[in-house]
Amino acid sequence: MQVICSSCSRDINIPDNKVPQGQAFNLTCPGCKTKLRVDQHLKPPEPDPAEDTGPSLDTASMVVDEDFEDEDEEIEIYDEHDKIALILDRKNDELWTTALTELEYKLQRAKSPEHAVHKLKFNQYHVVVFHEKFGDTTLETSPLYEFIRDMSMDSRRKAFVALVGDKFKTLDNMEALAYSVNLVVNQKDMGELETILKKSIGENDMFYKVYRETMTALGKL
């Protein structure tokens, strides 16, 4: 779907799989940051097939920014090269926000483990960080942890996953591997989070750079 911002007239392309079918939804213009509400019930008449230029639709009349409701979840629109992080750790939210913003990530959050799973199914995040007790669950009972553990290798290679808790040994690669994540962080070390992230994400990026180059040379990518 293509939406035209009512404030700056920017064309905003929304992937079809992110558009709630037949429902109104909210989004923020990536250009001027105006909050918009798109009501699909106000959809304009279909154009003459003889004048059809493609699947894009001029939806200017569907945008009603004055009706935006903060309690409704927004559809996030990002530029092609944006790095996106999903924060699932209420206890350390401020620390994650500071560290990831400094590393130039755009941030999202989820309301519950189930909500996080929904987001992970329909979005590719560059970084996912979660506390072992996110949503008042344990790792053994968390649908979020189960989903991350069972993700396909192709999806997992594209996401850096960090797990926080009281029992972990920070930067222990073997422990991280045992928990099917890229990084484990002990709660007492959260004050050094930015340094820890720079080191761990940098090493992960370098590893997969070499991996991709090797697989390409072997004709497997």
N, C-alpha and C. Protein backbone atom coordinates (compact mmCIF):
# COMPACT_ATOMS: atom_id res chain seq x y z
N MET A 1 0.84 -1.20 0.00
CA MET A 1 0.00 0.00 0.00
C MET A 1 0.87 1.24 0.00
N GLN A 2 0.44 2.27 -0.72
CA GLN A 2 1.13 3.54 -0.70
C GLN A 2 0.23 4.60 -0.05
N VAL A 3 0.76 5.27 0.96
CA VAL A 3 0.04 6.32 1.67
C VAL A 3 0.76 7.64 1.43
N ILE A 4 0.00 8.70 1.26
CA ILE A 4 0.59 10.03 1.06
C ILE A 4 0.42 10.82 2.35
N CYS A 5 1.53 11.29 2.92
CA CYS A 5 1.49 12.06 4.16
C CYS A 5 0.68 13.34 3.96
N SER A 6 -0.27 13.59 4.84
CA SER A 6 -1.12 14.77 4.73
C SER A 6 -0.39 16.06 5.10
N SER A 7 0.80 15.93 5.69
CA SER A 7 1.54 17.10 6.12
C SER A 7 2.62 17.51 5.10
N CYS A 8 3.47 16.54 4.70
CA CYS A 8 4.58 16.88 3.79
C CYS A 8 4.43 16.28 2.40
N SER A 9 3.33 15.54 2.17
CA SER A 9 3.02 14.92 0.86
C SER A 9 4.01 13.85 0.45
N ARG A 10 4.76 13.31 1.40
CA ARG A 10 5.70 12.23 1.09
C ARG A 10 4.95 10.95 0.80
N ASP A 11 5.42 10.20 -0.23
CA ASP A 11 4.88 8.87 -0.50
C ASP A 11 5.48 7.89 0.50
N ILE A 12 4.63 7.15 1.21
CA ILE A 12 5.06 6.17 2.19
C ILE A 12 4.61 4.80 1.72
N ASN A 13 5.56 3.93 1.41
CA ASN A 13 5.24 2.58 0.95
C ASN A 13 5.19 1.63 2.14
N ILE A 14 4.08 0.94 2.31
CA ILE A 14 3.88 0.01 3.41
C ILE A 14 3.77 -1.40 2.85
N PRO A 15 4.62 -2.33 3.27
CA PRO A 15 4.51 -3.72 2.79
C PRO A 15 3.11 -4.26 3.04
N ASP A 16 2.56 -4.97 2.06
CA ASP A 16 1.20 -5.47 2.17
C ASP A 16 0.99 -6.36 3.40
N ASN A 17 2.04 -7.12 3.79
CA ASN A 17 1.87 -8.03 4.92
C ASN A 17 1.82 -7.31 6.26
N LYS A 18 2.07 -5.99 6.27
CA LYS A 18 1.99 -5.22 7.50
C LYS A 18 0.69 -4.42 7.59
N VAL A 19 -0.13 -4.45 6.55
CA VAL A 19 -1.36 -3.66 6.54
C VAL A 19 -2.49 -4.49 7.14
N PRO A 20 -3.08 -4.06 8.27
CA PRO A 20 -4.22 -4.78 8.85
C PRO A 20 -5.40 -4.77 7.88
N GLN A 21 -5.86 -5.92 7.46
CA GLN A 21 -6.90 -6.00 6.45
C GLN A 21 -8.21 -5.39 6.92
N GLY A 22 -8.69 -4.38 6.20
CA GLY A 22 -9.99 -3.78 6.48
C GLY A 22 -10.07 -2.96 7.74
N GLN A 23 -8.92 -2.63 8.34
CA GLN A 23 -8.93 -1.90 9.61
C GLN A 23 -8.22 -0.56 9.47
N ALA A 24 -8.57 0.36 10.37
CA ALA A 24 -7.81 1.59 10.48
C ALA A 24 -6.51 1.30 11.22
N PHE A 25 -5.46 2.05 10.91
CA PHE A 25 -4.19 1.84 11.61
C PHE A 25 -3.42 3.15 11.67
N ASN A 26 -2.40 3.17 12.50
CA ASN A 26 -1.60 4.37 12.73
C ASN A 26 -0.19 4.18 12.21
N LEU A 27 0.44 5.29 11.80
CA LEU A 27 1.85 5.27 11.43
C LEU A 27 2.42 6.66 11.60
N THR A 28 3.75 6.73 11.64
CA THR A 28 4.45 8.00 11.72
C THR A 28 5.20 8.22 10.43
N CYS A 29 5.03 9.37 9.82
CA CYS A 29 5.73 9.67 8.57
C CYS A 29 7.24 9.68 8.83
N PRO A 30 8.03 8.89 8.08
CA PRO A 30 9.47 8.87 8.29
C PRO A 30 10.16 10.17 7.87
N GLY A 31 9.44 11.02 7.13
CA GLY A 31 10.02 12.28 6.70
C GLY A 31 9.84 13.39 7.71
N CYS A 32 8.59 13.79 7.94
CA CYS A 32 8.31 14.94 8.82
C CYS A 32 7.91 14.52 10.23
N LYS A 33 7.75 13.20 10.47
CA LYS A 33 7.41 12.64 11.79
C LYS A 33 5.98 12.96 12.23
N THR A 34 5.13 13.39 11.30
CA THR A 34 3.73 13.61 11.63
C THR A 34 3.05 12.27 11.91
N LYS A 35 2.25 12.22 12.96
CA LYS A 35 1.51 11.01 13.28
C LYS A 35 0.24 10.97 12.44
N LEU A 36 0.03 9.88 11.73
CA LEU A 36 -1.08 9.74 10.81
C LEU A 36 -1.97 8.57 11.21
N ARG A 37 -3.25 8.68 10.91
CA ARG A 37 -4.16 7.55 11.05
C ARG A 37 -4.76 7.27 9.69
N VAL A 38 -4.67 6.04 9.24
CA VAL A 38 -5.17 5.65 7.92
C VAL A 38 -6.42 4.81 8.12
N ASP A 39 -7.54 5.30 7.64
CA ASP A 39 -8.81 4.59 7.77
C ASP A 39 -9.18 4.01 6.41
N GLN A 40 -9.07 2.70 6.28
CA GLN A 40 -9.31 2.05 5.00
C GLN A 40 -10.79 2.09 4.60
N HIS A 41 -11.65 2.44 5.54
CA HIS A 41 -13.07 2.59 5.19
C HIS A 41 -13.31 3.85 4.36
N LEU A 42 -12.30 4.75 4.35
CA LEU A 42 -12.40 5.97 3.55
C LEU A 42 -11.71 5.81 2.20
N LYS A 43 -11.44 4.59 1.82
CA LYS A 43 -10.72 4.29 0.58
C LYS A 43 -11.43 4.92 -0.61
N PRO A 44 -10.70 5.66 -1.48
CA PRO A 44 -11.30 6.31 -2.63
C PRO A 44 -11.74 5.29 -3.67
N PRO A 45 -12.59 5.69 -4.63
CA PRO A 45 -13.04 4.78 -5.67
C PRO A 45 -11.86 4.21 -6.46
N GLU A 46 -12.04 2.97 -6.94
CA GLU A 46 -11.00 2.35 -7.75
C GLU A 46 -10.82 3.13 -9.04
N PRO A 47 -9.57 3.32 -9.51
CA PRO A 47 -9.32 4.05 -10.74
C PRO A 47 -9.78 3.26 -11.95
N ASP A 48 -9.96 3.96 -13.06
CA ASP A 48 -10.30 3.33 -14.33
C ASP A 48 -9.18 2.38 -14.72
N PRO A 49 -9.49 1.09 -15.00
CA PRO A 49 -8.43 0.13 -15.36
C PRO A 49 -7.56 0.60 -16.51
N ALA A 50 -8.14 1.38 -17.43
CA ALA A 50 -7.37 1.87 -18.57
C ALA A 50 -6.30 2.85 -18.15
N GLU A 51 -6.46 3.45 -16.97
CA GLU A 51 -5.50 4.42 -16.49
C GLU A 51 -4.64 3.85 -15.36
N ASP A 52 -4.78 2.56 -15.10
CA ASP A 52 -4.05 1.93 -14.01
C ASP A 52 -2.55 1.92 -14.29
N THR A 53 -1.76 2.42 -13.35
CA THR A 53 -0.31 2.49 -13.55
C THR A 53 0.44 1.53 -12.66
N GLY A 54 -0.28 0.65 -11.94
CA GLY A 54 0.41 -0.29 -11.05
C GLY A 54 -0.36 -0.50 -9.77
N PRO A 55 0.21 -1.23 -8.83
CA PRO A 55 -0.49 -1.58 -7.61
C PRO A 55 -0.57 -0.47 -6.58
N SER A 56 0.22 0.60 -6.74
CA SER A 56 0.20 1.68 -5.77
C SER A 56 -1.13 2.42 -5.81
N LEU A 57 -1.58 2.89 -4.66
CA LEU A 57 -2.88 3.53 -4.54
C LEU A 57 -2.72 4.88 -3.86
N ASP A 58 -3.29 5.92 -4.46
CA ASP A 58 -3.27 7.24 -3.83
C ASP A 58 -4.28 7.22 -2.69
N THR A 59 -3.79 7.20 -1.47
CA THR A 59 -4.67 7.06 -0.31
C THR A 59 -4.73 8.35 0.51
N ALA A 60 -4.52 9.49 -0.12
CA ALA A 60 -4.50 10.76 0.63
C ALA A 60 -5.80 10.96 1.40
N SER A 61 -6.94 10.58 0.79
CA SER A 61 -8.22 10.79 1.46
C SER A 61 -8.45 9.83 2.61
N MET A 62 -7.56 8.83 2.76
CA MET A 62 -7.71 7.86 3.84
C MET A 62 -6.96 8.30 5.09
N VAL A 63 -6.12 9.33 4.97
CA VAL A 63 -5.27 9.75 6.08
C VAL A 63 -5.98 10.79 6.92
N VAL A 64 -6.16 10.50 8.19
CA VAL A 64 -6.85 11.44 9.09
C VAL A 64 -6.01 11.60 10.35
N ASP A 65 -4.99 12.48 10.27
CA ASP A 65 -4.04 12.58 11.37
C ASP A 65 -4.67 13.13 12.64
N GLU A 66 -5.77 13.87 12.53
CA GLU A 66 -6.37 14.42 13.74
C GLU A 66 -7.05 13.34 14.58
N ASP A 67 -7.27 12.17 14.00
CA ASP A 67 -7.93 11.08 14.73
C ASP A 67 -6.94 10.11 15.34
N PHE A 68 -5.65 10.46 15.30
CA PHE A 68 -4.64 9.53 15.81
C PHE A 68 -4.87 9.26 17.29
N GLU A 69 -4.83 7.95 17.67
CA GLU A 69 -5.03 7.57 19.07
C GLU A 69 -3.77 6.91 19.58
N ASP A 70 -3.17 7.46 20.63
CA ASP A 70 -1.90 6.97 21.15
C ASP A 70 -1.96 5.51 21.61
N GLU A 71 -3.14 5.06 22.06
CA GLU A 71 -3.20 3.71 22.58
C GLU A 71 -3.16 2.67 21.47
N ASP A 72 -3.43 3.05 20.23
CA ASP A 72 -3.36 2.11 19.12
C ASP A 72 -1.92 1.92 18.69
N GLU A 73 -1.58 0.69 18.33
CA GLU A 73 -0.21 0.41 17.91
C GLU A 73 0.06 0.97 16.52
N GLU A 74 1.22 1.57 16.33
CA GLU A 74 1.60 2.12 15.04
C GLU A 74 2.27 1.08 14.16
N ILE A 75 2.12 1.26 12.84
CA ILE A 75 2.95 0.54 11.89
C ILE A 75 4.20 1.37 11.69
N GLU A 76 5.35 0.79 11.96
CA GLU A 76 6.61 1.51 11.86
C GLU A 76 7.12 1.44 10.43
N ILE A 77 7.53 2.59 9.87
CA ILE A 77 8.08 2.66 8.52
C ILE A 77 9.52 3.13 8.63
N TYR A 78 10.44 2.38 8.04
CA TYR A 78 11.85 2.71 8.14
C TYR A 78 12.47 2.85 6.76
N ASP A 79 13.58 3.59 6.71
CA ASP A 79 14.35 3.68 5.48
C ASP A 79 15.15 2.40 5.30
N GLU A 80 15.60 2.17 4.09
CA GLU A 80 16.23 0.91 3.71
C GLU A 80 17.42 0.53 4.59
N HIS A 81 18.23 1.51 4.98
CA HIS A 81 19.47 1.21 5.70
C HIS A 81 19.35 1.39 7.21
N ASP A 82 18.13 1.59 7.72
CA ASP A 82 17.95 1.74 9.17
C ASP A 82 18.26 0.43 9.89
N LYS A 83 18.90 0.54 11.05
CA LYS A 83 19.14 -0.60 11.92
C LYS A 83 18.06 -0.57 13.01
N ILE A 84 17.40 -1.72 13.23
CA ILE A 84 16.24 -1.75 14.11
C ILE A 84 16.49 -2.72 15.26
N ALA A 85 16.20 -2.28 16.47
CA ALA A 85 16.38 -3.11 17.66
C ALA A 85 15.06 -3.26 18.40
N LEU A 86 14.81 -4.45 18.93
CA LEU A 86 13.62 -4.73 19.72
C LEU A 86 14.04 -4.90 21.18
N ILE A 87 13.57 -4.01 22.06
CA ILE A 87 13.93 -4.03 23.48
C ILE A 87 12.82 -4.72 24.27
N LEU A 88 13.18 -5.81 24.96
CA LEU A 88 12.22 -6.59 25.75
C LEU A 88 12.78 -6.75 27.16
N ASP A 89 13.02 -5.65 27.81
CA ASP A 89 13.64 -5.65 29.14
C ASP A 89 13.22 -4.38 29.87
N ARG A 90 12.09 -4.44 30.56
CA ARG A 90 11.57 -3.25 31.23
C ARG A 90 12.50 -2.77 32.35
N LYS A 91 13.16 -3.69 33.02
CA LYS A 91 14.01 -3.34 34.15
C LYS A 91 15.17 -2.45 33.71
N ASN A 92 15.70 -2.71 32.52
CA ASN A 92 16.88 -1.98 32.04
C ASN A 92 16.60 -1.16 30.79
N ASP A 93 15.34 -0.80 30.60
CA ASP A 93 14.94 -0.12 29.36
C ASP A 93 15.76 1.14 29.10
N GLU A 94 15.96 1.94 30.13
CA GLU A 94 16.70 3.19 29.94
C GLU A 94 18.14 2.95 29.50
N LEU A 95 18.78 1.93 30.09
CA LEU A 95 20.16 1.61 29.72
C LEU A 95 20.25 1.12 28.28
N TRP A 96 19.31 0.24 27.88
CA TRP A 96 19.29 -0.23 26.49
C TRP A 96 19.03 0.92 25.53
N THR A 97 18.10 1.79 25.89
CA THR A 97 17.77 2.93 25.02
C THR A 97 19.00 3.80 24.77
N THR A 98 19.72 4.11 25.84
CA THR A 98 20.92 4.95 25.71
C THR A 98 21.98 4.27 24.85
N ALA A 99 22.26 3.01 25.15
CA ALA A 99 23.33 2.29 24.44
C ALA A 99 22.99 2.07 22.98
N LEU A 100 21.76 1.64 22.68
CA LEU A 100 21.39 1.34 21.30
C LEU A 100 21.19 2.59 20.47
N THR A 101 20.71 3.66 21.10
CA THR A 101 20.59 4.93 20.38
C THR A 101 21.97 5.46 20.01
N GLU A 102 22.93 5.31 20.92
CA GLU A 102 24.30 5.73 20.64
C GLU A 102 24.88 4.93 19.48
N LEU A 103 24.46 3.69 19.33
CA LEU A 103 24.93 2.84 18.22
C LEU A 103 24.05 3.00 16.98
N GLU A 104 23.16 3.99 17.00
CA GLU A 104 22.35 4.40 15.85
C GLU A 104 21.28 3.38 15.46
N TYR A 105 20.69 2.71 16.44
CA TYR A 105 19.58 1.81 16.18
C TYR A 105 18.26 2.55 16.39
N LYS A 106 17.26 2.22 15.57
CA LYS A 106 15.88 2.65 15.80
C LYS A 106 15.24 1.61 16.72
N LEU A 107 14.42 2.06 17.65
CA LEU A 107 13.98 1.18 18.73
C LEU A 107 12.50 0.83 18.65
N GLN A 108 12.19 -0.42 18.97
CA GLN A 108 10.82 -0.87 19.16
C GLN A 108 10.72 -1.63 20.47
N ARG A 109 9.48 -1.80 20.94
CA ARG A 109 9.23 -2.55 22.17
C ARG A 109 7.98 -3.40 21.98
N ALA A 110 7.76 -4.31 22.90
CA ALA A 110 6.56 -5.14 22.87
C ALA A 110 5.94 -5.17 24.26
N LYS A 111 4.65 -5.42 24.31
CA LYS A 111 3.92 -5.37 25.58
C LYS A 111 4.02 -6.66 26.38
N SER A 112 4.31 -7.77 25.70
CA SER A 112 4.31 -9.07 26.36
C SER A 112 5.14 -10.04 25.52
N PRO A 113 5.48 -11.21 26.07
CA PRO A 113 6.18 -12.21 25.27
C PRO A 113 5.41 -12.59 24.01
N GLU A 114 4.09 -12.71 24.11
CA GLU A 114 3.27 -13.07 22.95
C GLU A 114 3.31 -11.96 21.90
N HIS A 115 3.26 -10.73 22.36
CA HIS A 115 3.34 -9.59 21.45
C HIS A 115 4.71 -9.55 20.77
N ALA A 116 5.75 -9.88 21.51
CA ALA A 116 7.10 -9.92 20.94
C ALA A 116 7.20 -10.99 19.86
N VAL A 117 6.61 -12.15 20.11
CA VAL A 117 6.63 -13.22 19.11
C VAL A 117 5.93 -12.75 17.84
N HIS A 118 4.80 -12.08 17.99
CA HIS A 118 4.07 -11.55 16.84
C HIS A 118 4.96 -10.61 16.02
N LYS A 119 5.66 -9.72 16.70
CA LYS A 119 6.54 -8.78 16.01
C LYS A 119 7.67 -9.52 15.29
N LEU A 120 8.24 -10.51 15.95
CA LEU A 120 9.36 -11.25 15.36
C LEU A 120 8.92 -12.06 14.14
N LYS A 121 7.67 -12.46 14.10
CA LYS A 121 7.18 -13.22 12.95
C LYS A 121 7.09 -12.36 11.70
N PHE A 122 6.83 -11.06 11.88
CA PHE A 122 6.55 -10.21 10.73
C PHE A 122 7.60 -9.13 10.48
N ASN A 123 8.66 -9.12 11.29
CA ASN A 123 9.71 -8.11 11.13
C ASN A 123 11.07 -8.76 11.27
N GLN A 124 12.05 -8.23 10.54
CA GLN A 124 13.42 -8.69 10.69
C GLN A 124 14.18 -7.64 11.50
N TYR A 125 14.51 -7.98 12.74
CA TYR A 125 15.24 -7.07 13.61
C TYR A 125 16.73 -7.37 13.54
N HIS A 126 17.54 -6.30 13.59
CA HIS A 126 18.98 -6.48 13.61
C HIS A 126 19.48 -6.88 14.99
N VAL A 127 18.81 -6.36 16.02
CA VAL A 127 19.16 -6.67 17.41
C VAL A 127 17.88 -6.93 18.20
N VAL A 128 17.90 -8.00 19.01
CA VAL A 128 16.81 -8.31 19.92
C VAL A 128 17.42 -8.49 21.31
N VAL A 129 16.94 -7.73 22.29
CA VAL A 129 17.47 -7.85 23.65
C VAL A 129 16.32 -8.16 24.58
N PHE A 130 16.49 -9.16 25.46
CA PHE A 130 15.40 -9.49 26.36
C PHE A 130 15.92 -9.98 27.71
N HIS A 131 15.14 -9.70 28.72
CA HIS A 131 15.45 -10.15 30.07
C HIS A 131 14.84 -11.53 30.26
N GLU A 132 15.54 -12.40 30.99
CA GLU A 132 15.06 -13.77 31.19
C GLU A 132 13.68 -13.82 31.84
N LYS A 133 13.28 -12.73 32.55
CA LYS A 133 11.99 -12.70 33.22
C LYS A 133 11.01 -11.74 32.55
N PHE A 134 11.27 -11.40 31.27
CA PHE A 134 10.37 -10.50 30.55
C PHE A 134 8.96 -11.09 30.51
N GLY A 135 7.99 -10.29 30.90
CA GLY A 135 6.60 -10.75 30.93
C GLY A 135 6.30 -11.62 32.13
N ASP A 136 7.13 -11.52 33.19
CA ASP A 136 6.94 -12.31 34.42
C ASP A 136 6.92 -13.81 34.14
N THR A 137 7.79 -14.24 33.20
CA THR A 137 7.92 -15.66 32.92
C THR A 137 9.35 -16.10 33.25
N THR A 138 9.59 -17.38 33.12
CA THR A 138 10.96 -17.90 33.19
C THR A 138 11.33 -18.35 31.78
N LEU A 139 12.61 -18.61 31.55
CA LEU A 139 13.01 -19.08 30.22
C LEU A 139 12.30 -20.39 29.87
N GLU A 140 12.08 -21.22 30.87
CA GLU A 140 11.45 -22.52 30.62
C GLU A 140 10.00 -22.39 30.17
N THR A 141 9.33 -21.31 30.55
CA THR A 141 7.91 -21.15 30.22
C THR A 141 7.64 -20.01 29.24
N SER A 142 8.69 -19.33 28.77
CA SER A 142 8.52 -18.15 27.92
C SER A 142 8.29 -18.52 26.45
N PRO A 143 7.15 -18.11 25.87
CA PRO A 143 6.93 -18.34 24.44
C PRO A 143 7.93 -17.54 23.59
N LEU A 144 8.42 -16.43 24.13
CA LEU A 144 9.42 -15.63 23.41
C LEU A 144 10.72 -16.42 23.27
N TYR A 145 11.20 -16.97 24.36
CA TYR A 145 12.45 -17.73 24.31
C TYR A 145 12.30 -18.98 23.44
N GLU A 146 11.15 -19.62 23.53
CA GLU A 146 10.91 -20.80 22.70
C GLU A 146 10.95 -20.44 21.22
N PHE A 147 10.36 -19.30 20.87
CA PHE A 147 10.34 -18.86 19.47
C PHE A 147 11.75 -18.55 18.99
N ILE A 148 12.52 -17.82 19.79
CA ILE A 148 13.89 -17.47 19.41
C ILE A 148 14.75 -18.72 19.25
N ARG A 149 14.58 -19.65 20.16
CA ARG A 149 15.36 -20.89 20.12
C ARG A 149 15.05 -21.72 18.87
N ASP A 150 13.79 -21.62 18.39
CA ASP A 150 13.36 -22.44 17.25
C ASP A 150 13.38 -21.69 15.92
N MET A 151 13.89 -20.47 15.90
CA MET A 151 13.95 -19.72 14.65
C MET A 151 14.82 -20.44 13.63
N SER A 152 14.49 -20.26 12.34
CA SER A 152 15.31 -20.85 11.29
C SER A 152 16.70 -20.23 11.31
N MET A 153 17.68 -20.98 10.86
CA MET A 153 19.05 -20.48 10.88
C MET A 153 19.21 -19.23 10.01
N ASP A 154 18.47 -19.17 8.91
CA ASP A 154 18.57 -18.00 8.04
C ASP A 154 18.13 -16.74 8.78
N SER A 155 17.04 -16.83 9.54
CA SER A 155 16.56 -15.68 10.31
C SER A 155 17.49 -15.36 11.47
N ARG A 156 17.98 -16.40 12.14
CA ARG A 156 18.85 -16.17 13.30
C ARG A 156 20.17 -15.52 12.92
N ARG A 157 20.69 -15.87 11.75
CA ARG A 157 21.96 -15.26 11.33
C ARG A 157 21.83 -13.76 11.12
N LYS A 158 20.62 -13.29 10.86
CA LYS A 158 20.40 -11.87 10.58
C LYS A 158 20.10 -11.07 11.84
N ALA A 159 19.93 -11.75 12.97
CA ALA A 159 19.56 -11.06 14.21
C ALA A 159 20.59 -11.33 15.30
N PHE A 160 21.03 -10.28 15.96
CA PHE A 160 21.91 -10.39 17.13
C PHE A 160 21.01 -10.41 18.36
N VAL A 161 21.05 -11.50 19.13
CA VAL A 161 20.16 -11.66 20.28
C VAL A 161 20.96 -11.63 21.58
N ALA A 162 20.53 -10.76 22.49
CA ALA A 162 21.20 -10.63 23.80
C ALA A 162 20.22 -10.99 24.91
N LEU A 163 20.71 -11.74 25.90
CA LEU A 163 19.89 -12.21 27.02
C LEU A 163 20.48 -11.70 28.33
N VAL A 164 19.64 -11.13 29.18
CA VAL A 164 20.07 -10.55 30.45
C VAL A 164 19.47 -11.34 31.62
N GLY A 165 20.26 -11.52 32.67
CA GLY A 165 19.76 -12.18 33.86
C GLY A 165 20.75 -12.11 35.00
N ASP A 166 20.36 -12.63 36.14
CA ASP A 166 21.21 -12.55 37.33
C ASP A 166 22.24 -13.67 37.40
N LYS A 167 22.07 -14.72 36.61
CA LYS A 167 22.93 -15.89 36.76
C LYS A 167 23.99 -16.03 35.68
N PHE A 168 23.97 -15.15 34.67
CA PHE A 168 24.86 -15.32 33.53
C PHE A 168 26.24 -14.72 33.79
N LYS A 169 27.22 -15.23 33.06
CA LYS A 169 28.57 -14.68 33.08
C LYS A 169 28.75 -13.83 31.83
N THR A 170 28.81 -12.54 31.99
CA THR A 170 28.85 -11.60 30.87
C THR A 170 29.94 -11.95 29.86
N LEU A 171 29.55 -11.95 28.58
CA LEU A 171 30.45 -12.18 27.45
C LEU A 171 31.00 -13.62 27.40
N ASP A 172 30.36 -14.53 28.10
CA ASP A 172 30.77 -15.94 28.04
C ASP A 172 30.16 -16.55 26.78
N ASN A 173 30.96 -16.77 25.76
CA ASN A 173 30.47 -17.25 24.48
C ASN A 173 29.89 -18.66 24.55
N MET A 174 30.47 -19.51 25.37
CA MET A 174 29.96 -20.87 25.50
C MET A 174 28.58 -20.87 26.17
N GLU A 175 28.39 -20.01 27.15
CA GLU A 175 27.10 -19.92 27.81
C GLU A 175 26.06 -19.35 26.85
N ALA A 176 26.48 -18.34 26.07
CA ALA A 176 25.57 -17.77 25.07
C ALA A 176 25.14 -18.85 24.07
N LEU A 177 26.09 -19.66 23.61
CA LEU A 177 25.77 -20.74 22.68
C LEU A 177 24.79 -21.73 23.30
N ALA A 178 24.99 -22.05 24.57
CA ALA A 178 24.12 -23.00 25.26
C ALA A 178 22.69 -22.49 25.35
N TYR A 179 22.52 -21.16 25.40
CA TYR A 179 21.19 -20.57 25.48
C TYR A 179 20.66 -20.12 24.11
N SER A 180 21.39 -20.45 23.04
CA SER A 180 20.97 -20.12 21.66
C SER A 180 20.84 -18.63 21.43
N VAL A 181 21.74 -17.84 22.06
CA VAL A 181 21.78 -16.39 21.84
C VAL A 181 23.20 -15.98 21.46
N ASN A 182 23.37 -14.72 21.11
CA ASN A 182 24.69 -14.22 20.74
C ASN A 182 25.47 -13.64 21.91
N LEU A 183 24.73 -13.19 22.94
CA LEU A 183 25.37 -12.52 24.06
C LEU A 183 24.57 -12.76 25.33
N VAL A 184 25.26 -13.06 26.41
CA VAL A 184 24.62 -13.08 27.73
C VAL A 184 25.25 -11.97 28.58
N VAL A 185 24.42 -11.31 29.37
CA VAL A 185 24.88 -10.20 30.21
C VAL A 185 24.34 -10.39 31.62
N ASN A 186 25.21 -10.33 32.60
CA ASN A 186 24.78 -10.38 33.99
C ASN A 186 24.24 -9.02 34.40
N GLN A 187 23.18 -9.02 35.18
CA GLN A 187 22.54 -7.77 35.60
C GLN A 187 23.53 -6.80 36.23
N LYS A 188 24.47 -7.28 36.99
CA LYS A 188 25.41 -6.40 37.69
C LYS A 188 26.37 -5.69 36.73
N ASP A 189 26.45 -6.15 35.47
CA ASP A 189 27.36 -5.53 34.50
C ASP A 189 26.64 -4.58 33.55
N MET A 190 25.37 -4.30 33.80
CA MET A 190 24.61 -3.46 32.88
C MET A 190 25.15 -2.03 32.80
N GLY A 191 25.89 -1.60 33.80
CA GLY A 191 26.49 -0.27 33.75
C GLY A 191 27.54 -0.12 32.66
N GLU A 192 28.05 -1.25 32.17
CA GLU A 192 29.05 -1.25 31.10
C GLU A 192 28.42 -1.67 29.77
N LEU A 193 27.12 -1.50 29.65
CA LEU A 193 26.40 -2.06 28.51
C LEU A 193 26.90 -1.58 27.16
N GLU A 194 27.14 -0.28 27.03
CA GLU A 194 27.56 0.24 25.72
C GLU A 194 28.87 -0.39 25.26
N THR A 195 29.83 -0.52 26.17
CA THR A 195 31.11 -1.15 25.84
C THR A 195 30.92 -2.62 25.48
N ILE A 196 30.07 -3.31 26.24
CA ILE A 196 29.80 -4.72 26.00
C ILE A 196 29.16 -4.91 24.62
N LEU A 197 28.19 -4.06 24.29
CA LEU A 197 27.51 -4.18 23.00
C LEU A 197 28.45 -3.91 21.83
N LYS A 198 29.24 -2.86 21.94
CA LYS A 198 30.17 -2.53 20.86
C LYS A 198 31.10 -3.70 20.57
N LYS A 199 31.63 -4.31 21.62
CA LYS A 199 32.55 -5.43 21.46
C LYS A 199 31.83 -6.64 20.84
N SER A 200 30.69 -7.01 21.41
CA SER A 200 30.02 -8.23 20.99
C SER A 200 29.40 -8.11 19.61
N ILE A 201 28.73 -6.99 19.34
CA ILE A 201 28.12 -6.81 18.02
C ILE A 201 29.21 -6.69 16.95
N GLY A 202 30.30 -6.00 17.27
CA GLY A 202 31.41 -5.88 16.33
C GLY A 202 32.00 -7.23 15.97
N GLU A 203 32.22 -8.08 16.97
CA GLU A 203 32.77 -9.41 16.72
C GLU A 203 31.79 -10.26 15.91
N ASN A 204 30.49 -10.13 16.21
CA ASN A 204 29.48 -10.89 15.47
C ASN A 204 29.43 -10.47 14.01
N ASP A 205 29.46 -9.16 13.78
CA ASP A 205 29.44 -8.65 12.40
C ASP A 205 30.66 -9.12 11.62
N MET A 206 31.82 -9.13 12.26
CA MET A 206 33.03 -9.57 11.59
C MET A 206 32.95 -11.06 11.26
N PHE A 207 32.43 -11.85 12.20
CA PHE A 207 32.31 -13.30 11.97
C PHE A 207 31.44 -13.57 10.74
N TYR A 208 30.26 -12.91 10.69
CA TYR A 208 29.35 -13.19 9.59
C TYR A 208 29.81 -12.55 8.28
N LYS A 209 30.63 -11.52 8.35
CA LYS A 209 31.23 -10.97 7.13
C LYS A 209 32.15 -12.01 6.50
N VAL A 210 32.99 -12.63 7.33
CA VAL A 210 33.88 -13.68 6.85
C VAL A 210 33.06 -14.88 6.37
N TYR A 211 32.02 -15.23 7.12
CA TYR A 211 31.16 -16.36 6.74
C TYR A 211 30.53 -16.13 5.37
N ARG A 212 29.96 -14.93 5.16
CA ARG A 212 29.29 -14.65 3.89
C ARG A 212 30.29 -14.65 2.73
N GLU A 213 31.49 -14.09 2.97
CA GLU A 213 32.50 -14.08 1.93
C GLU A 213 32.93 -15.49 1.57
N THR A 214 33.09 -16.34 2.58
CA THR A 214 33.48 -17.74 2.36
C THR A 214 32.40 -18.50 1.59
N MET A 215 31.14 -18.36 2.01
CA MET A 215 30.05 -19.05 1.36
C MET A 215 29.86 -18.57 -0.07
N THR A 216 30.08 -17.26 -0.29
CA THR A 216 29.97 -16.73 -1.65
C THR A 216 31.06 -17.31 -2.54
N ALA A 217 32.28 -17.39 -1.99
CA ALA A 217 33.40 -17.96 -2.76
C ALA A 217 33.14 -19.41 -3.11
N LEU A 218 32.40 -20.12 -2.24
CA LEU A 218 32.09 -21.54 -2.49
C LEU A 218 30.83 -21.71 -3.34
N GLY A 219 30.23 -20.58 -3.71
CA GLY A 219 29.03 -20.63 -4.54
C GLY A 219 27.78 -21.05 -3.83
N LYS A 220 27.77 -20.90 -2.51
CA LYS A 220 26.61 -21.32 -1.70
C LYS A 220 25.75 -20.17 -1.25
N LEU A 221 26.08 -18.96 -1.65
CA LEU A 221 25.24 -17.80 -1.34
C LEU A 221 24.97 -17.02 -2.62
